[in-house]
Amino acid sequence: MRGNPMNGPNPNNPSPMEGFPQVGFLKNFITSANIEVGDYTYYDDPDGPENFEKNVLYHFDFIGDRLIIGKFCAIAKDVTFIMNGANHQTSGFSTYPFFIFGNGWEKSAPKSNDLPFKGNTEIGHDVWIGYNATIMPGIKIGSGAIIASKSVVTCDVPAYSVVGGNPAKVIKNRFDDKTINTLLNIAWWDWSNEKITAHLGAITQNDLDLLSKL
């Protein structure tokens, strides 16, 4: 399952780094139908990449929200995704979920549209999420973004920006607007393995002129 050495590693190989099992191509470890992960996105956890889903919290099938992660993302240990099941009704005087305990309290159960619902959590392509970051429900993170270690992401993150803090704020943009728009239009992560392998230099060394011609 190593893949063709001329075309890059095999994205279906759970453990692409021989002798280093803490890094795994994440899609091969997903069991939930409501989590989608693209090729080559990896999770790095000394306890094993199979632990990833333990950090996707309050993700209940009956709510139906999805966690969608693109291709070529790098996700560090203890990155936590808080899903919509964590939300409490806020329109009443109390936020306490009396109804879940029954014994007469179930009569206070809210209707499904009474609960805050932020939608799917969507991570773009080529996103780096640092150690122990927390992503709140319904957040959209643009492709090429960097999330600093221990950040708490409460708002959408623009493509190719660097964010950090609690709550996370934009620290800087990685490139100017023209370059960002060009990169998003090129979308190299959708190329074939052969094309990516042949042009890694342009991707990793900021050769935008060459990328634009491919």
Protein backbone atom coordinates (compact mmCIF):
# COMPACT_ATOMS: atom_id res chain seq x y z
CA MET A 1 0.00 0.00 0.00
CA ARG A 2 2.96 2.33 -0.38
CA GLY A 3 1.78 3.64 -3.74
CA ASN A 4 3.74 4.25 -6.91
CA PRO A 5 6.97 6.10 -5.98
CA MET A 6 6.46 8.27 -9.05
CA ASN A 7 2.92 9.25 -8.08
CA GLY A 8 3.15 9.82 -4.33
CA PRO A 9 1.90 7.74 -1.40
CA ASN A 10 -1.32 5.74 -1.45
CA PRO A 11 -4.09 7.74 0.30
CA ASN A 12 -5.77 4.47 1.26
CA ASN A 13 -2.80 3.44 3.39
CA PRO A 14 -3.74 4.06 7.04
CA SER A 15 -0.09 4.30 8.14
CA PRO A 16 1.88 6.06 5.40
CA MET A 17 5.07 6.57 7.46
CA GLU A 18 6.75 3.25 8.09
CA GLY A 19 7.84 2.91 11.73
CA PHE A 20 5.86 6.01 12.75
CA PRO A 21 2.31 4.78 13.45
CA GLN A 22 1.16 7.93 15.24
CA VAL A 23 0.60 9.59 11.85
CA GLY A 24 -2.28 8.23 9.81
CA PHE A 25 -4.19 9.23 6.72
CA LEU A 26 -7.35 10.09 8.60
CA LYS A 27 -10.05 8.98 6.19
CA ASN A 28 -9.03 5.36 6.81
CA PHE A 29 -9.94 5.62 10.51
CA ILE A 30 -13.37 7.23 10.21
CA THR A 31 -16.37 5.13 11.24
CA SER A 32 -19.13 7.78 11.43
CA ALA A 33 -21.30 8.31 8.37
CA ASN A 34 -21.49 12.00 9.32
CA ILE A 35 -17.74 12.62 9.09
CA GLU A 36 -16.10 13.06 5.69
CA VAL A 37 -12.34 13.40 5.23
CA GLY A 38 -10.45 13.97 1.99
CA ASP A 39 -7.38 12.18 0.66
CA TYR A 40 -4.00 12.78 2.32
CA THR A 41 -5.38 14.62 5.33
CA TYR A 42 -3.47 13.24 8.29
CA TYR A 43 -3.91 13.15 12.06
CA ASP A 44 -0.84 13.05 14.30
CA ASP A 45 -1.45 11.53 17.73
CA PRO A 46 1.05 9.47 19.78
CA ASP A 47 -1.93 7.54 21.15
CA GLY A 48 -2.88 6.53 17.60
CA PRO A 49 -4.88 8.18 14.80
CA GLU A 50 -7.77 5.84 15.57
CA ASN A 51 -8.52 8.15 18.52
CA PHE A 52 -9.56 11.05 16.30
CA GLU A 53 -13.31 10.51 16.57
CA LYS A 54 -13.11 10.68 20.38
CA ASN A 55 -12.37 14.36 19.91
CA VAL A 56 -15.49 14.99 17.79
CA LEU A 57 -17.82 15.80 20.67
CA TYR A 58 -21.63 15.97 20.96
CA HIS A 59 -22.02 14.56 17.46
CA PHE A 60 -25.39 12.85 17.54
CA ASP A 61 -26.91 11.09 14.52
CA PHE A 62 -30.41 12.46 15.24
CA ILE A 63 -29.16 16.03 14.80
CA GLY A 64 -27.67 15.27 11.42
CA ASP A 65 -24.84 17.79 11.30
CA ARG A 66 -21.70 16.76 9.46
CA LEU A 67 -17.99 17.33 9.92
CA ILE A 68 -16.41 17.78 6.49
CA ILE A 69 -12.62 17.99 6.20
CA GLY A 70 -10.90 18.55 2.87
CA LYS A 71 -7.75 17.13 1.32
CA PHE A 72 -4.14 17.63 2.42
CA CYS A 73 -4.98 18.94 5.90
CA ALA A 74 -2.61 18.49 8.85
CA ILE A 75 -4.37 17.97 12.18
CA ALA A 76 -2.39 17.81 15.42
CA LYS A 77 -3.12 15.86 18.59
CA ASP A 78 -6.07 16.89 20.75
CA VAL A 79 -7.73 19.09 18.15
CA THR A 80 -11.36 19.07 19.28
CA PHE A 81 -14.46 19.60 17.19
CA ILE A 82 -17.55 20.66 19.16
CA MET A 83 -20.68 19.75 17.21
CA ASN A 84 -24.25 21.03 17.40
CA GLY A 85 -25.34 18.49 20.01
CA ALA A 86 -23.55 20.65 22.59
CA ASN A 87 -25.99 23.52 22.10
CA HIS A 88 -28.66 24.31 24.74
CA GLN A 89 -31.88 26.20 24.25
CA THR A 90 -31.29 29.85 25.10
CA SER A 91 -34.71 31.41 24.49
CA GLY A 92 -36.09 30.56 27.93
CA PHE A 93 -35.10 31.79 31.38
CA SER A 94 -32.95 28.68 31.97
CA THR A 95 -30.51 26.93 29.67
CA TYR A 96 -30.62 23.73 31.76
CA PRO A 97 -31.74 20.67 29.72
CA PHE A 98 -34.36 19.42 32.20
CA PHE A 99 -36.03 17.16 29.62
CA ILE A 100 -33.10 14.78 29.19
CA PHE A 101 -33.55 13.47 32.73
CA GLY A 102 -37.21 12.42 32.39
CA ASN A 103 -39.34 11.71 35.47
CA GLY A 104 -41.82 14.38 34.53
CA TRP A 105 -39.24 16.80 33.16
CA GLU A 106 -39.51 15.45 29.62
CA LYS A 107 -42.55 17.70 29.14
CA SER A 108 -40.11 20.61 28.78
CA ALA A 109 -38.44 19.09 25.72
CA PRO A 110 -37.84 21.76 23.09
CA LYS A 111 -38.86 21.34 19.49
CA SER A 112 -35.98 20.67 17.13
CA ASN A 113 -36.13 24.18 15.70
CA ASP A 114 -35.94 25.68 19.21
CA LEU A 115 -32.33 24.52 19.62
CA PRO A 116 -29.48 26.56 18.17
CA PHE A 117 -28.19 24.88 15.01
CA LYS A 118 -25.07 26.25 13.37
CA GLY A 119 -24.98 23.82 10.43
CA ASN A 120 -22.15 21.62 9.27
CA THR A 121 -18.55 22.19 10.32
CA GLU A 122 -16.47 22.51 7.14
CA ILE A 123 -12.68 22.54 6.89
CA GLY A 124 -11.22 23.42 3.50
CA HIS A 125 -8.15 21.95 1.83
CA ASP A 126 -4.51 22.32 2.88
CA VAL A 127 -5.49 23.56 6.36
CA TRP A 128 -3.07 23.18 9.28
CA ILE A 129 -4.73 22.92 12.69
CA GLY A 130 -2.32 23.12 15.62
CA TYR A 131 -2.20 21.17 18.87
CA ASN A 132 -5.20 21.38 21.21
CA ALA A 133 -7.18 23.80 19.07
CA THR A 134 -10.97 23.79 19.49
CA ILE A 135 -13.38 24.28 16.59
CA MET A 136 -16.91 25.31 17.58
CA PRO A 137 -20.13 24.15 15.84
CA GLY A 138 -20.84 25.22 12.28
CA ILE A 139 -17.48 26.88 11.69
CA LYS A 140 -16.20 27.21 8.11
CA ILE A 141 -12.41 27.28 7.72
CA GLY A 142 -11.12 28.34 4.31
CA SER A 143 -8.48 26.45 2.35
CA GLY A 144 -4.86 27.24 3.14
CA ALA A 145 -5.64 28.58 6.63
CA ILE A 146 -3.46 27.99 9.69
CA ILE A 147 -5.03 27.59 13.15
CA ALA A 148 -2.56 28.26 15.95
CA SER A 149 -2.11 25.84 18.84
CA LYS A 150 -4.74 26.10 21.62
CA SER A 151 -6.93 28.44 19.61
CA VAL A 152 -10.69 28.45 20.17
CA VAL A 153 -12.30 29.08 16.79
CA THR A 154 -15.73 30.69 17.21
CA CYS A 155 -16.04 32.47 13.84
CA ASP A 156 -15.44 31.49 10.23
CA VAL A 157 -11.81 31.64 9.12
CA PRO A 158 -10.86 33.21 5.76
CA ALA A 159 -8.82 31.22 3.26
CA TYR A 160 -5.03 31.54 3.64
CA SER A 161 -5.26 33.41 6.92
CA VAL A 162 -3.46 32.69 10.19
CA VAL A 163 -5.66 32.80 13.29
CA GLY A 164 -4.91 32.34 16.97
CA GLY A 165 -6.17 33.04 20.47
CA ASN A 166 -9.36 32.59 22.47
CA PRO A 167 -11.51 33.54 20.73
CA ALA A 168 -9.35 33.13 17.64
CA LYS A 169 -8.69 36.27 15.63
CA VAL A 170 -6.96 36.81 12.30
CA ILE A 171 -3.28 37.47 12.97
CA LYS A 172 -2.33 37.95 9.35
CA ASN A 173 -3.07 36.86 5.81
CA ARG A 174 -0.50 34.55 4.34
CA PHE A 175 -0.59 36.21 0.91
CA ASP A 176 -2.16 39.22 -0.79
CA ASP A 177 -5.74 39.01 -2.07
CA LYS A 178 -4.75 38.49 -5.70
CA THR A 179 -2.49 35.56 -4.83
CA ILE A 180 -5.15 34.01 -2.59
CA ASN A 181 -7.81 34.21 -5.28
CA THR A 182 -5.42 32.73 -7.83
CA LEU A 183 -4.56 29.83 -5.53
CA LEU A 184 -8.23 29.12 -4.86
CA ASN A 185 -8.92 29.10 -8.60
CA ILE A 186 -5.96 26.80 -9.28
CA ALA A 187 -7.11 24.39 -6.53
CA TRP A 188 -4.01 22.20 -6.88
CA TRP A 189 -5.43 19.78 -4.29
CA ASP A 190 -7.88 18.59 -6.94
CA TRP A 191 -5.10 17.67 -9.36
CA SER A 192 -4.20 14.07 -10.06
CA ASN A 193 -1.49 12.46 -7.93
CA GLU A 194 0.76 12.40 -10.97
CA LYS A 195 0.38 16.13 -11.60
CA ILE A 196 0.91 17.04 -7.95
CA THR A 197 4.03 14.88 -7.77
CA ALA A 198 5.42 16.39 -10.96
CA HIS A 199 4.96 19.95 -9.74
CA LEU A 200 5.69 19.74 -6.01
CA GLY A 201 8.39 22.36 -6.39
CA ALA A 202 5.94 24.96 -7.65
CA ILE A 203 3.49 24.14 -4.84
CA THR A 204 6.01 24.23 -2.00
CA GLN A 205 8.21 27.08 -3.27
CA ASN A 206 5.54 29.66 -4.14
CA ASP A 207 6.01 29.57 -7.90
CA LEU A 208 2.65 31.12 -8.73
CA ASP A 209 3.57 31.89 -12.33
CA LEU A 210 4.28 28.23 -13.03
CA LEU A 211 1.21 27.03 -11.12
CA SER A 212 -0.96 29.38 -13.16
CA LYS A 213 0.26 27.84 -16.41
CA LEU A 214 -0.35 24.21 -15.43
